[in-house]
Amino acid sequence: MQPAAVIFAIGNRSRGDDAIGPLLLERLSTWLAAEARAGVFELIDDYQLQIEHALDLQGRTLALFIDAGCNTPAPFRFYPITPSSTANESRSTSSTHNLPPQGVLDVYRQFEGEAPPPSFVLCVCGERFELGEGLSEAAAANVDAAWRQLMQLCREPDVALWHAAAGTAGR
């Protein structure tokens, strides 16, 4: 049986703070197994989002995109997203990748002819993204703060609760 929720971690471990998403997903995988919750989530780790990731949304009730942000307020932002065709036309200012999560949702909407599952972004503040750099000290602290949020979200994968955590009124 397919897990109800999908979590995407986007980033490159060889580019400094861009490793934030994959590092959080690795930690999450271990935690979910220890908590006997691994079957609730499908975890997807990739360098960047592509249109094919829209297929990973099929049959889901909830989606989360984890990424490092260049201009994100520290330590992180957690917010709901909706499909956006303009996101596909211009590079997102909060992400280091070409296709932002809103663009993946738009591809899903176009391909499936229906709204995508409720989706959220956990964007963690990063500072250094140069090839060969390690995780910065500031990013490591931001990862720890985001980890606490991520555990709470995964304890209760409920759309209304996630909207409450995001400070939005269950759109």
C-alpha atoms as a PDB file:
ATOM      1  CA  MET A   1       0.000   0.000   0.000  1.00  0.00           C
ATOM      2  CA  GLN A   2       1.224   3.487  -0.887  1.00  0.00           C
ATOM      3  CA  PRO A   3       1.951   5.865   2.009  1.00  0.00           C
ATOM      4  CA  ALA A   4      -0.606   8.660   2.384  1.00  0.00           C
ATOM      5  CA  ALA A   5       1.985  11.430   2.628  1.00  0.00           C
ATOM      6  CA  VAL A   6       5.070  12.201   0.583  1.00  0.00           C
ATOM      7  CA  ILE A   7       8.062  14.217   1.731  1.00  0.00           C
ATOM      8  CA  PHE A   8      10.535  15.605  -0.786  1.00  0.00           C
ATOM      9  CA  ALA A   9      13.988  16.709   0.332  1.00  0.00           C
ATOM     10  CA  ILE A  10      15.742  18.823  -2.242  1.00  0.00           C
ATOM     11  CA  GLY A  11      19.441  19.614  -2.188  1.00  0.00           C
ATOM     12  CA  ASN A  12      23.018  18.694  -2.941  1.00  0.00           C
ATOM     13  CA  ARG A  13      25.258  17.423  -0.136  1.00  0.00           C
ATOM     14  CA  SER A  14      28.318  18.718  -2.009  1.00  0.00           C
ATOM     15  CA  ARG A  15      27.178  22.341  -1.938  1.00  0.00           C
ATOM     16  CA  GLY A  16      27.403  23.505   1.668  1.00  0.00           C
ATOM     17  CA  ASP A  17      24.074  24.432   3.188  1.00  0.00           C
ATOM     18  CA  ASP A  18      22.222  23.012   0.182  1.00  0.00           C
ATOM     19  CA  ALA A  19      22.597  19.705   2.071  1.00  0.00           C
ATOM     20  CA  ILE A  20      19.953  20.809   4.590  1.00  0.00           C
ATOM     21  CA  GLY A  21      17.047  18.983   2.916  1.00  0.00           C
ATOM     22  CA  PRO A  22      18.836  15.639   2.472  1.00  0.00           C
ATOM     23  CA  LEU A  23      20.284  15.824   6.006  1.00  0.00           C
ATOM     24  CA  LEU A  24      16.833  16.373   7.512  1.00  0.00           C
ATOM     25  CA  LEU A  25      15.383  13.551   5.417  1.00  0.00           C
ATOM     26  CA  GLU A  26      18.117  11.172   6.551  1.00  0.00           C
ATOM     27  CA  ARG A  27      17.419  12.030  10.185  1.00  0.00           C
ATOM     28  CA  LEU A  28      13.686  11.680   9.551  1.00  0.00           C
ATOM     29  CA  SER A  29      14.074   8.241   7.975  1.00  0.00           C
ATOM     30  CA  THR A  30      15.852   6.937  11.074  1.00  0.00           C
ATOM     31  CA  TRP A  31      13.331   8.552  13.418  1.00  0.00           C
ATOM     32  CA  LEU A  32      10.297   7.242  11.499  1.00  0.00           C
ATOM     33  CA  ALA A  33      11.693   3.699  11.617  1.00  0.00           C
ATOM     34  CA  ALA A  34      12.308   3.979  15.372  1.00  0.00           C
ATOM     35  CA  GLU A  35       8.787   5.343  15.914  1.00  0.00           C
ATOM     36  CA  ALA A  36       7.211   2.613  13.707  1.00  0.00           C
ATOM     37  CA  ARG A  37       5.823   5.334  11.414  1.00  0.00           C
ATOM     38  CA  ALA A  38       7.846   4.645   8.270  1.00  0.00           C
ATOM     39  CA  GLY A  39       4.795   3.320   6.405  1.00  0.00           C
ATOM     40  CA  VAL A  40       2.957   6.639   6.748  1.00  0.00           C
ATOM     41  CA  PHE A  41       5.421   8.607   4.598  1.00  0.00           C
ATOM     42  CA  GLU A  42       7.269   8.107   1.346  1.00  0.00           C
ATOM     43  CA  LEU A  43      10.593   9.937   1.487  1.00  0.00           C
ATOM     44  CA  ILE A  44      12.104  11.249  -1.753  1.00  0.00           C
ATOM     45  CA  ASP A  45      15.606  12.740  -1.884  1.00  0.00           C
ATOM     46  CA  ASP A  46      16.701  14.524  -5.062  1.00  0.00           C
ATOM     47  CA  TYR A  47      19.059  17.280  -6.183  1.00  0.00           C
ATOM     48  CA  GLN A  48      16.269  19.363  -7.643  1.00  0.00           C
ATOM     49  CA  LEU A  49      12.602  19.144  -8.498  1.00  0.00           C
ATOM     50  CA  GLN A  50      11.621  18.011 -11.979  1.00  0.00           C
ATOM     51  CA  ILE A  51       8.232  17.751 -13.698  1.00  0.00           C
ATOM     52  CA  GLU A  52       8.316  13.989 -13.077  1.00  0.00           C
ATOM     53  CA  HIS A  53       7.944  14.625  -9.353  1.00  0.00           C
ATOM     54  CA  ALA A  54       4.315  15.515 -10.050  1.00  0.00           C
ATOM     55  CA  LEU A  55       3.707  11.775 -10.474  1.00  0.00           C
ATOM     56  CA  ASP A  56       4.860  11.227  -6.885  1.00  0.00           C
ATOM     57  CA  LEU A  57       1.842  13.248  -5.721  1.00  0.00           C
ATOM     58  CA  GLN A  58      -0.680  10.779  -7.166  1.00  0.00           C
ATOM     59  CA  GLY A  59      -2.884   9.216  -4.493  1.00  0.00           C
ATOM     60  CA  ARG A  60      -1.450  11.318  -1.656  1.00  0.00           C
ATOM     61  CA  THR A  61      -3.372  13.162   1.009  1.00  0.00           C
ATOM     62  CA  LEU A  62      -0.472  15.419   2.041  1.00  0.00           C
ATOM     63  CA  ALA A  63       2.879  16.602   0.654  1.00  0.00           C
ATOM     64  CA  LEU A  64       5.860  18.351   2.194  1.00  0.00           C
ATOM     65  CA  PHE A  65       8.837  19.890   0.397  1.00  0.00           C
ATOM     66  CA  ILE A  66      12.001  20.431   2.466  1.00  0.00           C
ATOM     67  CA  ASP A  67      14.695  22.717   1.064  1.00  0.00           C
ATOM     68  CA  ALA A  68      17.378  25.194   2.007  1.00  0.00           C
ATOM     69  CA  GLY A  69      16.538  28.815   1.330  1.00  0.00           C
ATOM     70  CA  CYS A  70      18.917  31.576   0.292  1.00  0.00           C
ATOM     71  CA  ASN A  71      16.741  34.425   1.551  1.00  0.00           C
ATOM     72  CA  THR A  72      14.761  32.613   4.215  1.00  0.00           C
ATOM     73  CA  PRO A  73      14.416  34.189   7.661  1.00  0.00           C
ATOM     74  CA  ALA A  74      16.285  32.103  10.260  1.00  0.00           C
ATOM     75  CA  PRO A  75      15.777  29.501  11.393  1.00  0.00           C
ATOM     76  CA  PHE A  76      13.084  28.378   8.900  1.00  0.00           C
ATOM     77  CA  ARG A  77       9.696  29.069   7.351  1.00  0.00           C
ATOM     78  CA  PHE A  78       6.847  26.570   7.235  1.00  0.00           C
ATOM     79  CA  TYR A  79       3.946  27.475   4.965  1.00  0.00           C
ATOM     80  CA  PRO A  80       1.255  26.046   2.694  1.00  0.00           C
ATOM     81  CA  ILE A  81       1.593  26.308  -1.072  1.00  0.00           C
ATOM     82  CA  THR A  82      -0.709  26.078  -4.067  1.00  0.00           C
ATOM     83  CA  PRO A  83      -0.075  25.443  -7.750  1.00  0.00           C
ATOM     84  CA  SER A  84       1.456  28.329  -9.677  1.00  0.00           C
ATOM     85  CA  SER A  85       2.162  28.414 -13.388  1.00  0.00           C
ATOM     86  CA  THR A  86       4.235  31.573 -12.935  1.00  0.00           C
ATOM     87  CA  ALA A  87       6.507  29.582 -10.637  1.00  0.00           C
ATOM     88  CA  ASN A  88       7.478  27.549 -13.687  1.00  0.00           C
ATOM     89  CA  GLU A  89       8.310  30.663 -15.690  1.00  0.00           C
ATOM     90  CA  SER A  90      10.695  32.321 -13.262  1.00  0.00           C
ATOM     91  CA  ARG A  91      13.141  30.997 -10.719  1.00  0.00           C
ATOM     92  CA  SER A  92      11.928  31.078  -7.128  1.00  0.00           C
ATOM     93  CA  THR A  93      13.709  33.588  -4.927  1.00  0.00           C
ATOM     94  CA  SER A  94      13.560  31.316  -1.895  1.00  0.00           C
ATOM     95  CA  SER A  95      15.039  28.217  -3.510  1.00  0.00           C
ATOM     96  CA  THR A  96      18.269  27.301  -5.227  1.00  0.00           C
ATOM     97  CA  HIS A  97      16.483  25.059  -7.721  1.00  0.00           C
ATOM     98  CA  ASN A  98      14.931  25.586 -11.129  1.00  0.00           C
ATOM     99  CA  LEU A  99      11.447  24.140 -10.574  1.00  0.00           C
ATOM    100  CA  PRO A 100       9.929  25.264  -7.290  1.00  0.00           C
ATOM    101  CA  PRO A 101       7.388  23.156  -5.388  1.00  0.00           C
ATOM    102  CA  GLN A 102       4.509  25.342  -6.635  1.00  0.00           C
ATOM    103  CA  GLY A 103       5.581  24.450 -10.172  1.00  0.00           C
ATOM    104  CA  VAL A 104       5.430  20.719  -9.383  1.00  0.00           C
ATOM    105  CA  LEU A 105       1.907  21.245  -8.053  1.00  0.00           C
ATOM    106  CA  ASP A 106       0.965  23.068 -11.250  1.00  0.00           C
ATOM    107  CA  VAL A 107       2.297  20.220 -13.392  1.00  0.00           C
ATOM    108  CA  TYR A 108       0.216  17.811 -11.309  1.00  0.00           C
ATOM    109  CA  ARG A 109      -2.895  19.956 -11.775  1.00  0.00           C
ATOM    110  CA  GLN A 110      -2.340  20.077 -15.536  1.00  0.00           C
ATOM    111  CA  PHE A 111      -1.540  16.360 -15.832  1.00  0.00           C
ATOM    112  CA  GLU A 112      -4.246  15.007 -13.521  1.00  0.00           C
ATOM    113  CA  GLY A 113      -6.928  17.637 -14.199  1.00  0.00           C
ATOM    114  CA  GLU A 114      -7.530  18.033 -10.467  1.00  0.00           C
ATOM    115  CA  ALA A 115      -6.118  19.861  -7.495  1.00  0.00           C
ATOM    116  CA  PRO A 116      -2.951  18.406  -5.964  1.00  0.00           C
ATOM    117  CA  PRO A 117      -2.941  17.183  -2.372  1.00  0.00           C
ATOM    118  CA  PRO A 118      -2.555  19.846   0.319  1.00  0.00           C
ATOM    119  CA  SER A 119       1.114  20.804   0.215  1.00  0.00           C
ATOM    120  CA  PHE A 120       3.562  22.636   2.423  1.00  0.00           C
ATOM    121  CA  VAL A 121       7.147  23.845   2.363  1.00  0.00           C
ATOM    122  CA  LEU A 122       9.681  23.658   5.171  1.00  0.00           C
ATOM    123  CA  CYS A 123      12.361  26.074   3.966  1.00  0.00           C
ATOM    124  CA  VAL A 124      15.406  26.191   6.241  1.00  0.00           C
ATOM    125  CA  CYS A 125      17.728  29.188   6.199  1.00  0.00           C
ATOM    126  CA  GLY A 126      21.103  28.516   4.636  1.00  0.00           C
ATOM    127  CA  GLU A 127      24.082  30.824   4.115  1.00  0.00           C
ATOM    128  CA  ARG A 128      26.766  29.092   2.061  1.00  0.00           C
ATOM    129  CA  PHE A 129      26.070  27.106  -1.090  1.00  0.00           C
ATOM    130  CA  GLU A 130      29.498  26.779  -2.694  1.00  0.00           C
ATOM    131  CA  LEU A 131      30.723  23.509  -4.150  1.00  0.00           C
ATOM    132  CA  GLY A 132      32.868  21.580  -1.677  1.00  0.00           C
ATOM    133  CA  GLU A 133      31.742  23.535   1.390  1.00  0.00           C
ATOM    134  CA  GLY A 134      30.440  21.808   4.501  1.00  0.00           C
ATOM    135  CA  LEU A 135      27.344  22.731   6.438  1.00  0.00           C
ATOM    136  CA  SER A 136      27.766  26.150   8.048  1.00  0.00           C
ATOM    137  CA  GLU A 137      27.485  26.553  11.803  1.00  0.00           C
ATOM    138  CA  ALA A 138      24.410  28.766  11.404  1.00  0.00           C
ATOM    139  CA  ALA A 139      22.738  26.236   9.102  1.00  0.00           C
ATOM    140  CA  ALA A 140      23.423  23.424  11.580  1.00  0.00           C
ATOM    141  CA  ALA A 141      21.575  25.396  14.269  1.00  0.00           C
ATOM    142  CA  ASN A 142      18.724  26.083  11.828  1.00  0.00           C
ATOM    143  CA  VAL A 143      18.535  22.366  10.990  1.00  0.00           C
ATOM    144  CA  ASP A 144      18.111  21.569  14.694  1.00  0.00           C
ATOM    145  CA  ALA A 145      15.241  24.058  14.972  1.00  0.00           C
ATOM    146  CA  ALA A 146      13.604  22.733  11.788  1.00  0.00           C
ATOM    147  CA  TRP A 147      14.036  19.164  13.044  1.00  0.00           C
ATOM    148  CA  ARG A 148      11.827  19.879  16.046  1.00  0.00           C
ATOM    149  CA  GLN A 149       9.130  21.251  13.702  1.00  0.00           C
ATOM    150  CA  LEU A 150       9.484  18.291  11.336  1.00  0.00           C
ATOM    151  CA  MET A 151       9.073  15.736  14.144  1.00  0.00           C
ATOM    152  CA  GLN A 152       5.910  17.478  15.305  1.00  0.00           C
ATOM    153  CA  LEU A 153       4.492  17.490  11.771  1.00  0.00           C
ATOM    154  CA  CYS A 154       5.246  13.799  11.304  1.00  0.00           C
ATOM    155  CA  ARG A 155       3.704  12.865  14.637  1.00  0.00           C
ATOM    156  CA  GLU A 156       0.415  14.277  13.363  1.00  0.00           C
ATOM    157  CA  PRO A 157       0.174  14.247   9.552  1.00  0.00           C
ATOM    158  CA  ASP A 158      -3.125  16.105   9.452  1.00  0.00           C
ATOM    159  CA  VAL A 159      -3.886  18.963   7.055  1.00  0.00           C
ATOM    160  CA  ALA A 160      -5.730  21.078   9.642  1.00  0.00           C
ATOM    161  CA  LEU A 161      -2.934  20.652  12.183  1.00  0.00           C
ATOM    162  CA  TRP A 162      -0.298  21.527   9.580  1.00  0.00           C
ATOM    163  CA  HIS A 163      -2.232  24.673   8.666  1.00  0.00           C
ATOM    164  CA  ALA A 164      -2.358  25.571  12.355  1.00  0.00           C
ATOM    165  CA  ALA A 165       1.424  25.020  12.611  1.00  0.00           C
ATOM    166  CA  ALA A 166       1.864  27.282   9.595  1.00  0.00           C
ATOM    167  CA  GLY A 167      -0.347  29.949  11.153  1.00  0.00           C
ATOM    168  CA  THR A 168      -2.882  29.716   8.351  1.00  0.00           C
ATOM    169  CA  ALA A 169      -6.591  29.111   8.622  1.00  0.00           C
ATOM    170  CA  GLY A 170      -7.029  25.713   6.907  1.00  0.00           C
ATOM    171  CA  ARG A 171      -7.375  26.982   3.360  1.00  0.00           C
END
